[in-house]
C-alpha cells in the first residue's frame, strides 16, 4: 500500500535504469565491502523487473581494474585492491537479476593511471544512452558516497533528468555521515529521490 502523500512516478519511454557496481568485492566478505551492501539486491531486483516489464533499457556498470590500478593502496591509492578485471570479486553479485540478453554493461576504471568513480568517466555510456533516446536515468547501487554520487552528478551535468533510488543504495561511510551528505548533495543538485513504493510499474 502506498503511504499517504507519496506521489507516484510513472515509467515511460526515454527512461533507463543504471545499476552501479553491484559486484562481489563491494558486498559483505569482499575486499572493499560496503556495510550492508547486499541489502540493495532484492530492491534492485524489483526495479529491474519493472524496467523489463516496460521494455526499457538497463545498464549495469562495474569496476574493471588492472592489477596495478592507481586507486589501490600498493600504488598510492586510498583503497585495497578490488574488482580486478576477470576476478571473482569483479563479477556481479550472483543474486542480482540482470536480464542476460538485454543488459548493457559499462566497464570503468580500466586504465592503470586513471581512476573513475562515475559511470560516465572514460566510458561511452553517454553515447549509448543517447543512441537509445534516453532522457531520464534511474540510478541505484554501490556506493552512495562514491560511484553513485559521481554517476548522478555527471548525469545531471550531461543534461539528463536523474532519479535517485534511495532504497537501493548503501554507503561506504569512511566518515559516519558520508552517505547522508552524498544523498543531500545529489538532491540539492537536482536528483529526484524515490523509493520503490512510489513507482507505478
N, C-alpha and C. Protein backbone atom coordinates (compact mmCIF):
# COMPACT_ATOMS: atom_id res chain seq x y z
N UNK A 1 0.85 -1.20 0.00
CA UNK A 1 0.00 0.00 0.00
C UNK A 1 0.88 1.24 0.00
N UNK A 2 0.58 2.20 -0.85
CA UNK A 2 1.38 3.41 -0.96
C UNK A 2 1.04 4.37 0.17
N UNK A 3 2.08 4.87 0.92
CA UNK A 3 1.82 5.79 2.02
C UNK A 3 1.08 7.04 1.54
N UNK A 4 0.25 7.58 2.42
CA UNK A 4 -0.48 8.80 2.10
C UNK A 4 0.50 9.94 1.80
N UNK A 5 0.19 10.72 0.78
CA UNK A 5 1.02 11.88 0.47
C UNK A 5 2.19 11.60 -0.42
N UNK A 6 2.42 10.30 -0.76
CA UNK A 6 3.55 9.94 -1.62
C UNK A 6 3.10 10.00 -3.08
N UNK A 7 3.79 10.79 -3.87
CA UNK A 7 3.43 10.93 -5.28
C UNK A 7 3.95 9.74 -6.08
N UNK A 8 3.19 9.37 -7.08
CA UNK A 8 3.55 8.26 -7.94
C UNK A 8 4.43 8.74 -9.09
N UNK A 9 5.42 7.94 -9.42
CA UNK A 9 6.28 8.22 -10.57
C UNK A 9 6.05 7.11 -11.59
N UNK A 10 5.72 7.48 -12.80
CA UNK A 10 5.37 6.51 -13.83
C UNK A 10 6.53 6.37 -14.82
N UNK A 11 6.90 5.12 -15.09
CA UNK A 11 7.93 4.86 -16.10
C UNK A 11 7.39 5.17 -17.49
N UNK A 12 8.29 5.58 -18.38
CA UNK A 12 7.88 5.90 -19.74
C UNK A 12 9.06 5.74 -20.68
N UNK A 13 8.77 5.76 -21.98
CA UNK A 13 9.85 5.71 -22.97
C UNK A 13 10.82 6.87 -22.73
N UNK A 14 12.09 6.58 -22.86
CA UNK A 14 13.12 7.58 -22.55
C UNK A 14 13.75 7.39 -21.20
N UNK A 15 13.22 6.43 -20.42
CA UNK A 15 13.81 6.11 -19.11
C UNK A 15 14.82 4.98 -19.26
N UNK A 16 15.85 5.00 -18.41
CA UNK A 16 16.82 3.90 -18.34
C UNK A 16 17.21 3.68 -16.90
N UNK A 17 17.45 2.44 -16.55
CA UNK A 17 17.93 2.07 -15.22
C UNK A 17 19.44 1.87 -15.28
N UNK A 18 20.16 2.50 -14.34
CA UNK A 18 21.60 2.28 -14.23
C UNK A 18 21.89 1.64 -12.87
N UNK A 19 22.38 0.43 -12.91
CA UNK A 19 22.76 -0.32 -11.71
C UNK A 19 24.27 -0.18 -11.55
N UNK A 20 24.68 0.48 -10.48
CA UNK A 20 26.08 0.86 -10.30
C UNK A 20 26.83 -0.15 -9.43
N UNK A 21 27.77 -0.86 -10.02
CA UNK A 21 28.83 -1.59 -9.31
C UNK A 21 28.33 -2.55 -8.22
N UNK A 22 27.31 -3.32 -8.51
CA UNK A 22 26.87 -4.33 -7.53
C UNK A 22 27.70 -5.59 -7.79
N UNK A 23 28.93 -5.55 -7.28
CA UNK A 23 29.95 -6.55 -7.54
C UNK A 23 30.37 -7.22 -6.24
N UNK A 24 30.90 -8.42 -6.35
CA UNK A 24 31.21 -9.21 -5.16
C UNK A 24 32.15 -8.52 -4.19
N UNK A 25 33.15 -7.81 -4.71
CA UNK A 25 34.11 -7.18 -3.81
C UNK A 25 33.50 -6.05 -2.97
N UNK A 26 32.34 -5.54 -3.38
CA UNK A 26 31.68 -4.48 -2.62
C UNK A 26 30.61 -5.03 -1.66
N UNK A 27 30.44 -6.33 -1.63
CA UNK A 27 29.45 -6.96 -0.76
C UNK A 27 30.14 -7.53 0.48
N UNK A 28 29.38 -7.82 1.54
CA UNK A 28 29.99 -8.41 2.74
C UNK A 28 30.88 -9.60 2.39
N UNK A 29 32.11 -9.59 2.93
CA UNK A 29 33.09 -10.61 2.62
C UNK A 29 34.02 -10.24 1.49
N UNK A 30 33.68 -9.16 0.75
CA UNK A 30 34.53 -8.71 -0.34
C UNK A 30 35.69 -7.89 0.16
N UNK A 31 36.64 -7.61 -0.74
CA UNK A 31 37.85 -6.90 -0.33
C UNK A 31 37.61 -5.43 0.00
N UNK A 32 36.52 -4.86 -0.49
CA UNK A 32 36.16 -3.47 -0.19
C UNK A 32 34.66 -3.42 0.10
N UNK A 33 34.27 -4.15 1.12
CA UNK A 33 32.85 -4.36 1.41
C UNK A 33 32.17 -3.06 1.86
N UNK A 34 31.02 -2.79 1.26
CA UNK A 34 30.16 -1.69 1.68
C UNK A 34 29.23 -2.25 2.78
N UNK A 35 29.19 -1.63 3.95
CA UNK A 35 28.31 -2.15 5.00
C UNK A 35 26.88 -2.34 4.50
N UNK A 36 26.36 -3.53 4.68
CA UNK A 36 25.01 -3.89 4.25
C UNK A 36 24.81 -3.67 2.75
N UNK A 37 25.89 -3.79 2.01
CA UNK A 37 25.79 -3.59 0.58
C UNK A 37 24.84 -4.56 -0.10
N UNK A 38 24.72 -5.77 0.46
CA UNK A 38 23.82 -6.75 -0.14
C UNK A 38 22.35 -6.40 0.03
N UNK A 39 22.04 -5.43 0.90
CA UNK A 39 20.65 -5.01 1.08
C UNK A 39 20.05 -4.43 -0.19
N UNK A 40 20.90 -3.92 -1.08
CA UNK A 40 20.36 -3.29 -2.29
C UNK A 40 19.84 -4.31 -3.29
N UNK A 41 20.27 -5.55 -3.19
CA UNK A 41 20.00 -6.52 -4.25
C UNK A 41 18.51 -6.83 -4.41
N UNK A 42 17.79 -7.21 -3.33
CA UNK A 42 16.37 -7.52 -3.55
C UNK A 42 15.56 -6.32 -4.02
N UNK A 43 15.95 -5.13 -3.59
CA UNK A 43 15.23 -3.92 -4.03
C UNK A 43 15.53 -3.65 -5.50
N UNK A 44 16.81 -3.71 -5.87
CA UNK A 44 17.17 -3.51 -7.28
C UNK A 44 16.49 -4.54 -8.17
N UNK A 45 16.35 -5.76 -7.68
CA UNK A 45 15.69 -6.79 -8.49
C UNK A 45 14.25 -6.40 -8.83
N UNK A 46 13.60 -5.70 -7.92
CA UNK A 46 12.23 -5.27 -8.19
C UNK A 46 12.21 -4.11 -9.20
N UNK A 47 13.17 -3.21 -9.08
CA UNK A 47 13.29 -2.16 -10.11
C UNK A 47 13.61 -2.80 -11.46
N UNK A 48 14.52 -3.76 -11.47
CA UNK A 48 14.87 -4.43 -12.72
C UNK A 48 13.64 -5.08 -13.35
N UNK A 49 12.83 -5.74 -12.54
CA UNK A 49 11.63 -6.40 -13.07
C UNK A 49 10.69 -5.38 -13.69
N UNK A 50 10.57 -4.20 -13.07
CA UNK A 50 9.70 -3.16 -13.61
C UNK A 50 10.21 -2.67 -14.97
N UNK A 51 11.51 -2.46 -15.08
CA UNK A 51 12.07 -1.99 -16.35
C UNK A 51 11.95 -3.07 -17.43
N UNK A 52 12.08 -4.33 -17.05
CA UNK A 52 11.89 -5.41 -18.01
C UNK A 52 10.45 -5.43 -18.50
N UNK A 53 9.50 -5.28 -17.59
CA UNK A 53 8.08 -5.28 -17.99
C UNK A 53 7.77 -4.17 -18.98
N UNK A 54 8.41 -3.02 -18.79
CA UNK A 54 8.15 -1.88 -19.67
C UNK A 54 9.03 -1.91 -20.91
N UNK A 55 9.94 -2.86 -21.01
CA UNK A 55 10.81 -2.93 -22.18
C UNK A 55 11.79 -1.77 -22.27
N UNK A 56 12.22 -1.28 -21.10
CA UNK A 56 13.11 -0.12 -21.04
C UNK A 56 14.56 -0.56 -20.85
N UNK A 57 15.51 0.24 -21.32
CA UNK A 57 16.92 -0.17 -21.27
C UNK A 57 17.48 -0.24 -19.86
N UNK A 58 18.35 -1.22 -19.68
CA UNK A 58 19.02 -1.45 -18.39
C UNK A 58 20.53 -1.44 -18.65
N UNK A 59 21.21 -0.61 -17.88
CA UNK A 59 22.67 -0.53 -17.94
C UNK A 59 23.23 -0.97 -16.59
N UNK A 60 24.29 -1.74 -16.61
CA UNK A 60 24.98 -2.13 -15.39
C UNK A 60 26.44 -1.74 -15.51
N UNK A 61 26.94 -1.03 -14.52
CA UNK A 61 28.34 -0.63 -14.54
C UNK A 61 29.14 -1.52 -13.59
N UNK A 62 30.40 -1.65 -13.90
CA UNK A 62 31.27 -2.34 -12.94
C UNK A 62 32.70 -1.84 -13.06
N UNK A 63 33.33 -1.76 -11.89
CA UNK A 63 34.77 -1.52 -11.86
C UNK A 63 35.45 -2.72 -12.52
N UNK A 64 36.45 -2.44 -13.32
CA UNK A 64 37.15 -3.50 -14.07
C UNK A 64 38.61 -3.11 -14.13
N UNK A 65 39.25 -3.21 -12.96
CA UNK A 65 40.57 -2.62 -12.77
C UNK A 65 41.70 -3.56 -13.17
N UNK A 66 42.78 -3.00 -13.73
CA UNK A 66 44.01 -3.78 -13.88
C UNK A 66 44.63 -4.01 -12.50
N UNK A 67 45.49 -5.02 -12.37
CA UNK A 67 46.06 -5.34 -11.04
C UNK A 67 46.87 -4.21 -10.43
N UNK A 68 47.38 -3.30 -11.26
CA UNK A 68 48.20 -2.19 -10.77
C UNK A 68 47.46 -0.86 -10.81
N UNK A 69 46.17 -0.89 -10.54
CA UNK A 69 45.37 0.33 -10.67
C UNK A 69 45.77 1.38 -9.64
N UNK A 70 45.70 2.64 -10.06
CA UNK A 70 46.16 3.75 -9.22
C UNK A 70 45.33 3.93 -7.95
N UNK A 71 44.12 3.39 -7.89
CA UNK A 71 43.30 3.55 -6.69
C UNK A 71 43.68 2.56 -5.60
N UNK A 72 44.55 1.60 -5.91
CA UNK A 72 44.92 0.56 -4.94
C UNK A 72 46.01 1.07 -4.01
N UNK A 73 45.93 0.70 -2.76
CA UNK A 73 46.89 1.16 -1.75
C UNK A 73 48.35 0.86 -2.11
N UNK A 74 48.67 -0.30 -2.67
CA UNK A 74 50.08 -0.54 -3.02
C UNK A 74 50.62 0.44 -4.07
N UNK A 75 49.72 1.13 -4.78
CA UNK A 75 50.14 2.07 -5.81
C UNK A 75 49.79 3.51 -5.45
N UNK A 76 49.61 3.75 -4.14
CA UNK A 76 49.40 5.11 -3.65
C UNK A 76 47.96 5.54 -3.55
N UNK A 77 47.02 4.65 -3.86
CA UNK A 77 45.60 4.99 -3.79
C UNK A 77 45.01 4.78 -2.41
N UNK A 78 43.72 5.11 -2.23
CA UNK A 78 43.10 5.02 -0.92
C UNK A 78 42.48 3.66 -0.59
N UNK A 79 42.37 2.74 -1.58
CA UNK A 79 41.56 1.55 -1.38
C UNK A 79 42.39 0.27 -1.46
N UNK A 80 41.96 -0.78 -0.78
CA UNK A 80 42.59 -2.08 -1.01
C UNK A 80 42.29 -2.55 -2.43
N UNK A 81 43.12 -3.41 -3.00
CA UNK A 81 42.83 -3.93 -4.33
C UNK A 81 41.42 -4.54 -4.39
N UNK A 82 40.70 -4.23 -5.46
CA UNK A 82 39.32 -4.69 -5.58
C UNK A 82 38.93 -4.73 -7.06
N UNK A 83 37.97 -5.58 -7.37
CA UNK A 83 37.37 -5.64 -8.71
C UNK A 83 38.42 -5.70 -9.81
N UNK A 84 39.41 -6.56 -9.61
CA UNK A 84 40.43 -6.76 -10.65
C UNK A 84 39.78 -7.49 -11.82
N UNK A 85 40.01 -6.98 -13.01
CA UNK A 85 39.36 -7.50 -14.22
C UNK A 85 39.47 -9.01 -14.31
N UNK A 86 38.34 -9.66 -14.50
CA UNK A 86 38.32 -11.10 -14.67
C UNK A 86 38.28 -11.90 -13.39
N UNK A 87 38.40 -11.23 -12.24
CA UNK A 87 38.42 -11.94 -10.96
C UNK A 87 37.00 -12.20 -10.46
N UNK A 88 36.89 -13.12 -9.50
CA UNK A 88 35.58 -13.40 -8.89
C UNK A 88 35.04 -12.17 -8.19
N UNK A 89 35.93 -11.36 -7.62
CA UNK A 89 35.49 -10.15 -6.93
C UNK A 89 34.89 -9.12 -7.85
N UNK A 90 35.27 -9.15 -9.12
CA UNK A 90 34.75 -8.18 -10.09
C UNK A 90 33.42 -8.61 -10.69
N UNK A 91 33.02 -9.86 -10.43
CA UNK A 91 31.77 -10.36 -11.01
C UNK A 91 30.56 -9.69 -10.34
N UNK A 92 29.47 -9.61 -11.08
CA UNK A 92 28.23 -9.12 -10.49
C UNK A 92 27.77 -10.08 -9.39
N UNK A 93 27.08 -9.54 -8.41
CA UNK A 93 26.51 -10.37 -7.34
C UNK A 93 25.62 -11.45 -7.96
N UNK A 94 25.80 -12.70 -7.58
CA UNK A 94 25.01 -13.78 -8.19
C UNK A 94 23.51 -13.59 -8.04
N UNK A 95 23.07 -12.97 -6.95
CA UNK A 95 21.63 -12.81 -6.70
C UNK A 95 21.02 -11.64 -7.46
N UNK A 96 21.86 -10.83 -8.11
CA UNK A 96 21.35 -9.68 -8.88
C UNK A 96 20.76 -10.19 -10.19
N UNK A 97 19.48 -9.90 -10.42
CA UNK A 97 18.76 -10.50 -11.54
C UNK A 97 18.82 -9.60 -12.78
N UNK A 98 20.03 -9.43 -13.28
CA UNK A 98 20.22 -8.68 -14.52
C UNK A 98 19.77 -9.54 -15.69
N UNK A 99 18.89 -9.03 -16.56
CA UNK A 99 18.49 -9.82 -17.72
C UNK A 99 19.67 -10.00 -18.67
N UNK A 100 20.09 -11.24 -18.83
CA UNK A 100 21.34 -11.51 -19.55
C UNK A 100 21.29 -11.04 -20.99
N UNK A 101 20.14 -11.13 -21.63
CA UNK A 101 20.07 -10.85 -23.06
C UNK A 101 19.98 -9.36 -23.37
N UNK A 102 19.61 -8.55 -22.38
CA UNK A 102 19.35 -7.15 -22.70
C UNK A 102 20.12 -6.14 -21.85
N UNK A 103 20.86 -6.59 -20.84
CA UNK A 103 21.62 -5.66 -20.02
C UNK A 103 22.85 -5.17 -20.77
N UNK A 104 23.03 -3.86 -20.80
CA UNK A 104 24.19 -3.25 -21.43
C UNK A 104 25.22 -2.94 -20.34
N UNK A 105 26.41 -3.49 -20.48
CA UNK A 105 27.42 -3.39 -19.43
C UNK A 105 28.44 -2.31 -19.78
N UNK A 106 28.74 -1.48 -18.79
CA UNK A 106 29.76 -0.45 -18.94
C UNK A 106 30.88 -0.73 -17.96
N UNK A 107 32.09 -0.87 -18.46
CA UNK A 107 33.28 -1.10 -17.63
C UNK A 107 33.96 0.23 -17.36
N UNK A 108 34.43 0.43 -16.14
CA UNK A 108 35.10 1.69 -15.81
C UNK A 108 36.34 1.41 -14.97
N UNK A 109 37.23 2.41 -14.95
CA UNK A 109 38.48 2.23 -14.22
C UNK A 109 39.38 1.20 -14.85
N UNK A 110 39.38 1.12 -16.18
CA UNK A 110 40.12 0.07 -16.87
C UNK A 110 41.57 0.42 -17.15
N UNK A 111 41.94 1.69 -16.96
CA UNK A 111 43.31 2.14 -17.23
C UNK A 111 44.09 2.26 -15.91
N UNK A 112 45.33 1.78 -15.87
CA UNK A 112 46.07 1.77 -14.61
C UNK A 112 46.19 3.14 -13.95
N UNK A 113 46.37 4.18 -14.77
CA UNK A 113 46.67 5.51 -14.22
C UNK A 113 45.44 6.40 -14.07
N UNK A 114 44.25 5.89 -14.37
CA UNK A 114 43.05 6.73 -14.32
C UNK A 114 42.01 6.13 -13.41
N UNK A 115 41.64 6.88 -12.36
CA UNK A 115 40.55 6.44 -11.51
C UNK A 115 39.24 6.88 -12.15
N UNK A 116 38.17 6.22 -11.80
CA UNK A 116 36.87 6.54 -12.41
C UNK A 116 35.76 6.10 -11.47
N UNK A 117 35.23 7.04 -10.72
CA UNK A 117 34.08 6.73 -9.87
C UNK A 117 32.79 6.80 -10.69
N UNK A 118 32.69 7.77 -11.56
CA UNK A 118 31.48 7.96 -12.35
C UNK A 118 31.41 6.97 -13.51
N UNK A 119 30.20 6.49 -13.78
CA UNK A 119 29.99 5.61 -14.93
C UNK A 119 30.20 6.32 -16.26
N UNK A 120 30.25 7.65 -16.23
CA UNK A 120 30.48 8.43 -17.44
C UNK A 120 31.95 8.70 -17.69
N UNK A 121 32.81 8.46 -16.70
CA UNK A 121 34.20 8.87 -16.76
C UNK A 121 35.02 7.89 -17.60
N UNK A 122 35.41 8.33 -18.80
CA UNK A 122 36.24 7.49 -19.66
C UNK A 122 35.49 6.35 -20.32
N UNK A 123 34.15 6.42 -20.36
CA UNK A 123 33.35 5.36 -20.98
C UNK A 123 32.50 5.95 -22.10
N UNK A 124 31.81 5.07 -22.82
CA UNK A 124 30.91 5.51 -23.87
C UNK A 124 29.45 5.52 -23.41
N UNK A 125 29.23 5.57 -22.10
CA UNK A 125 27.86 5.47 -21.57
C UNK A 125 26.96 6.56 -22.13
N UNK A 126 27.45 7.80 -22.17
CA UNK A 126 26.61 8.90 -22.66
C UNK A 126 26.16 8.64 -24.09
N UNK A 127 27.07 8.21 -24.93
CA UNK A 127 26.72 7.94 -26.33
C UNK A 127 25.71 6.80 -26.44
N UNK A 128 25.88 5.79 -25.62
CA UNK A 128 24.96 4.64 -25.66
C UNK A 128 23.57 5.05 -25.18
N UNK A 129 23.51 5.89 -24.16
CA UNK A 129 22.21 6.37 -23.67
C UNK A 129 21.51 7.20 -24.74
N UNK A 130 22.25 8.12 -25.34
CA UNK A 130 21.64 9.00 -26.34
C UNK A 130 21.21 8.21 -27.58
N UNK A 131 21.95 7.17 -27.91
CA UNK A 131 21.58 6.34 -29.06
C UNK A 131 20.24 5.65 -28.86
N UNK A 132 19.87 5.45 -27.58
CA UNK A 132 18.59 4.82 -27.28
C UNK A 132 17.51 5.84 -26.92
N UNK A 133 17.82 7.11 -27.09
CA UNK A 133 16.82 8.13 -26.81
C UNK A 133 16.51 8.33 -25.34
N UNK A 134 17.47 8.03 -24.49
CA UNK A 134 17.24 8.14 -23.04
C UNK A 134 17.35 9.59 -22.60
N UNK A 135 16.41 10.02 -21.77
CA UNK A 135 16.44 11.36 -21.21
C UNK A 135 16.37 11.39 -19.70
N UNK A 136 15.98 10.23 -19.10
CA UNK A 136 15.85 10.19 -17.64
C UNK A 136 16.51 8.92 -17.12
N UNK A 137 17.37 9.08 -16.12
CA UNK A 137 18.13 7.98 -15.54
C UNK A 137 17.61 7.65 -14.15
N UNK A 138 17.45 6.38 -13.89
CA UNK A 138 17.13 5.87 -12.56
C UNK A 138 18.39 5.18 -12.05
N UNK A 139 18.97 5.70 -10.96
CA UNK A 139 20.30 5.25 -10.54
C UNK A 139 20.25 4.65 -9.14
N UNK A 140 20.77 3.43 -9.01
CA UNK A 140 20.94 2.79 -7.71
C UNK A 140 22.18 1.93 -7.72
N UNK A 141 22.58 1.43 -6.56
CA UNK A 141 23.74 0.56 -6.48
C UNK A 141 24.71 0.99 -5.40
N UNK A 142 26.01 0.78 -5.68
CA UNK A 142 27.06 0.97 -4.68
C UNK A 142 28.20 1.81 -5.27
N UNK A 143 28.77 2.64 -4.47
CA UNK A 143 28.33 3.03 -3.13
C UNK A 143 27.83 4.48 -3.20
N UNK A 144 26.90 4.79 -2.31
CA UNK A 144 26.23 6.08 -2.32
C UNK A 144 27.21 7.25 -2.41
N UNK A 145 28.26 7.19 -1.59
CA UNK A 145 29.14 8.33 -1.40
C UNK A 145 30.31 8.38 -2.38
N UNK A 146 30.35 7.47 -3.33
CA UNK A 146 31.42 7.49 -4.33
C UNK A 146 30.85 7.30 -5.74
N UNK A 147 30.68 6.06 -6.17
CA UNK A 147 30.33 5.83 -7.58
C UNK A 147 28.89 6.24 -7.90
N UNK A 148 27.96 6.06 -6.96
CA UNK A 148 26.60 6.53 -7.20
C UNK A 148 26.59 8.06 -7.25
N UNK A 149 27.22 8.69 -6.28
CA UNK A 149 27.28 10.16 -6.24
C UNK A 149 27.86 10.72 -7.53
N UNK A 150 28.99 10.22 -7.97
CA UNK A 150 29.66 10.77 -9.15
C UNK A 150 28.87 10.48 -10.42
N UNK A 151 28.24 9.32 -10.50
CA UNK A 151 27.42 9.00 -11.67
C UNK A 151 26.20 9.91 -11.75
N UNK A 152 25.54 10.12 -10.63
CA UNK A 152 24.37 11.02 -10.60
C UNK A 152 24.78 12.43 -10.99
N UNK A 153 25.86 12.92 -10.41
CA UNK A 153 26.27 14.30 -10.70
C UNK A 153 26.68 14.46 -12.16
N UNK A 154 27.38 13.48 -12.71
CA UNK A 154 27.76 13.58 -14.13
C UNK A 154 26.54 13.46 -15.04
N UNK A 155 25.58 12.63 -14.64
CA UNK A 155 24.35 12.54 -15.42
C UNK A 155 23.61 13.86 -15.46
N UNK A 156 23.53 14.53 -14.32
CA UNK A 156 22.89 15.84 -14.26
C UNK A 156 23.64 16.86 -15.11
N UNK A 157 24.97 16.85 -15.01
CA UNK A 157 25.77 17.78 -15.81
C UNK A 157 25.58 17.56 -17.30
N UNK A 158 25.35 16.30 -17.69
CA UNK A 158 25.17 15.97 -19.11
C UNK A 158 23.77 16.28 -19.60
N UNK A 159 22.90 16.75 -18.70
CA UNK A 159 21.58 17.18 -19.12
C UNK A 159 20.46 16.17 -18.95
N UNK A 160 20.75 15.05 -18.29
CA UNK A 160 19.70 14.07 -18.03
C UNK A 160 18.90 14.47 -16.78
N UNK A 161 17.63 14.12 -16.77
CA UNK A 161 16.90 14.09 -15.51
C UNK A 161 17.36 12.83 -14.77
N UNK A 162 17.58 12.94 -13.47
CA UNK A 162 18.11 11.81 -12.71
C UNK A 162 17.20 11.52 -11.52
N UNK A 163 16.85 10.25 -11.38
CA UNK A 163 16.05 9.77 -10.26
C UNK A 163 16.95 8.90 -9.39
N UNK A 164 17.04 9.23 -8.11
CA UNK A 164 17.90 8.51 -7.17
C UNK A 164 17.06 7.48 -6.42
N UNK A 165 17.44 6.22 -6.52
CA UNK A 165 16.71 5.13 -5.87
C UNK A 165 17.19 5.00 -4.43
N UNK A 166 16.57 5.75 -3.53
CA UNK A 166 17.07 5.86 -2.16
C UNK A 166 17.07 4.55 -1.40
N UNK A 167 16.19 3.65 -1.77
CA UNK A 167 16.12 2.37 -1.06
C UNK A 167 17.02 1.32 -1.70
N UNK A 168 17.77 1.70 -2.71
CA UNK A 168 18.64 0.74 -3.41
C UNK A 168 20.07 1.25 -3.49
N UNK A 169 20.50 1.99 -2.47
CA UNK A 169 21.87 2.47 -2.38
C UNK A 169 22.38 2.24 -0.95
N UNK A 170 23.67 2.05 -0.81
CA UNK A 170 24.32 1.96 0.51
C UNK A 170 25.67 2.65 0.41
N UNK A 171 26.14 3.16 1.54
CA UNK A 171 27.35 3.99 1.58
C UNK A 171 28.52 3.26 2.21
N UNK A 172 29.72 3.64 1.76
CA UNK A 172 30.95 3.18 2.42
C UNK A 172 31.06 3.81 3.80
N UNK A 173 30.78 5.11 3.89
CA UNK A 173 30.84 5.86 5.16
C UNK A 173 32.22 5.78 5.80
N UNK A 174 33.24 6.22 5.04
CA UNK A 174 34.56 6.38 5.63
C UNK A 174 34.45 7.30 6.84
N UNK A 175 33.66 8.37 6.68
CA UNK A 175 33.19 9.16 7.81
C UNK A 175 31.73 8.82 8.02
N UNK A 176 31.27 8.80 9.27
CA UNK A 176 29.94 8.24 9.55
C UNK A 176 28.79 8.86 8.75
N UNK A 177 28.89 10.12 8.38
CA UNK A 177 27.77 10.78 7.71
C UNK A 177 27.99 10.96 6.21
N UNK A 178 28.98 10.28 5.63
CA UNK A 178 29.28 10.48 4.21
C UNK A 178 28.08 10.14 3.32
N UNK A 179 27.40 9.06 3.63
CA UNK A 179 26.27 8.66 2.80
C UNK A 179 25.14 9.67 2.85
N UNK A 180 24.82 10.14 4.05
CA UNK A 180 23.75 11.14 4.19
C UNK A 180 24.13 12.42 3.46
N UNK A 181 25.37 12.84 3.59
CA UNK A 181 25.80 14.07 2.92
C UNK A 181 25.77 13.90 1.40
N UNK A 182 26.14 12.72 0.93
CA UNK A 182 26.11 12.47 -0.52
C UNK A 182 24.67 12.51 -1.05
N UNK A 183 23.74 11.90 -0.31
CA UNK A 183 22.33 11.95 -0.73
C UNK A 183 21.83 13.39 -0.78
N UNK A 184 22.14 14.14 0.25
CA UNK A 184 21.69 15.53 0.30
C UNK A 184 22.28 16.33 -0.87
N UNK A 185 23.54 16.07 -1.19
CA UNK A 185 24.18 16.79 -2.30
C UNK A 185 23.53 16.45 -3.63
N UNK A 186 23.25 15.17 -3.85
CA UNK A 186 22.62 14.77 -5.11
C UNK A 186 21.24 15.41 -5.27
N UNK A 187 20.48 15.44 -4.19
CA UNK A 187 19.14 16.02 -4.24
C UNK A 187 19.22 17.53 -4.43
N UNK A 188 20.18 18.16 -3.75
CA UNK A 188 20.36 19.61 -3.89
C UNK A 188 20.72 19.97 -5.32
N UNK A 189 21.45 19.10 -6.00
CA UNK A 189 21.86 19.38 -7.38
C UNK A 189 20.76 19.05 -8.40
N UNK A 190 19.69 18.41 -7.94
CA UNK A 190 18.55 18.20 -8.83
C UNK A 190 18.06 16.78 -8.99
N UNK A 191 18.71 15.81 -8.34
CA UNK A 191 18.23 14.44 -8.42
C UNK A 191 16.89 14.31 -7.68
N UNK A 192 16.00 13.50 -8.22
CA UNK A 192 14.69 13.27 -7.62
C UNK A 192 14.75 11.99 -6.80
N UNK A 193 14.57 12.06 -5.47
CA UNK A 193 14.65 10.85 -4.66
C UNK A 193 13.32 10.10 -4.67
N UNK A 194 13.41 8.79 -4.90
CA UNK A 194 12.20 7.97 -4.80
C UNK A 194 12.53 6.68 -4.06
N UNK A 195 11.46 6.01 -3.66
CA UNK A 195 11.54 4.65 -3.12
C UNK A 195 10.60 3.78 -3.93
N UNK A 196 10.75 2.49 -3.80
CA UNK A 196 10.03 1.55 -4.65
C UNK A 196 8.52 1.77 -4.62
N UNK A 197 7.97 2.08 -3.45
CA UNK A 197 6.53 2.22 -3.35
C UNK A 197 5.99 3.43 -4.12
N UNK A 198 6.88 4.30 -4.56
CA UNK A 198 6.47 5.47 -5.33
C UNK A 198 6.41 5.18 -6.83
N UNK A 199 6.90 4.01 -7.24
CA UNK A 199 6.97 3.70 -8.65
C UNK A 199 5.70 2.99 -9.09
N UNK A 200 5.01 3.55 -10.04
CA UNK A 200 3.82 2.91 -10.61
C UNK A 200 4.25 2.07 -11.78
N UNK A 201 4.51 0.81 -11.51
CA UNK A 201 5.02 -0.07 -12.57
C UNK A 201 4.47 -1.46 -12.38
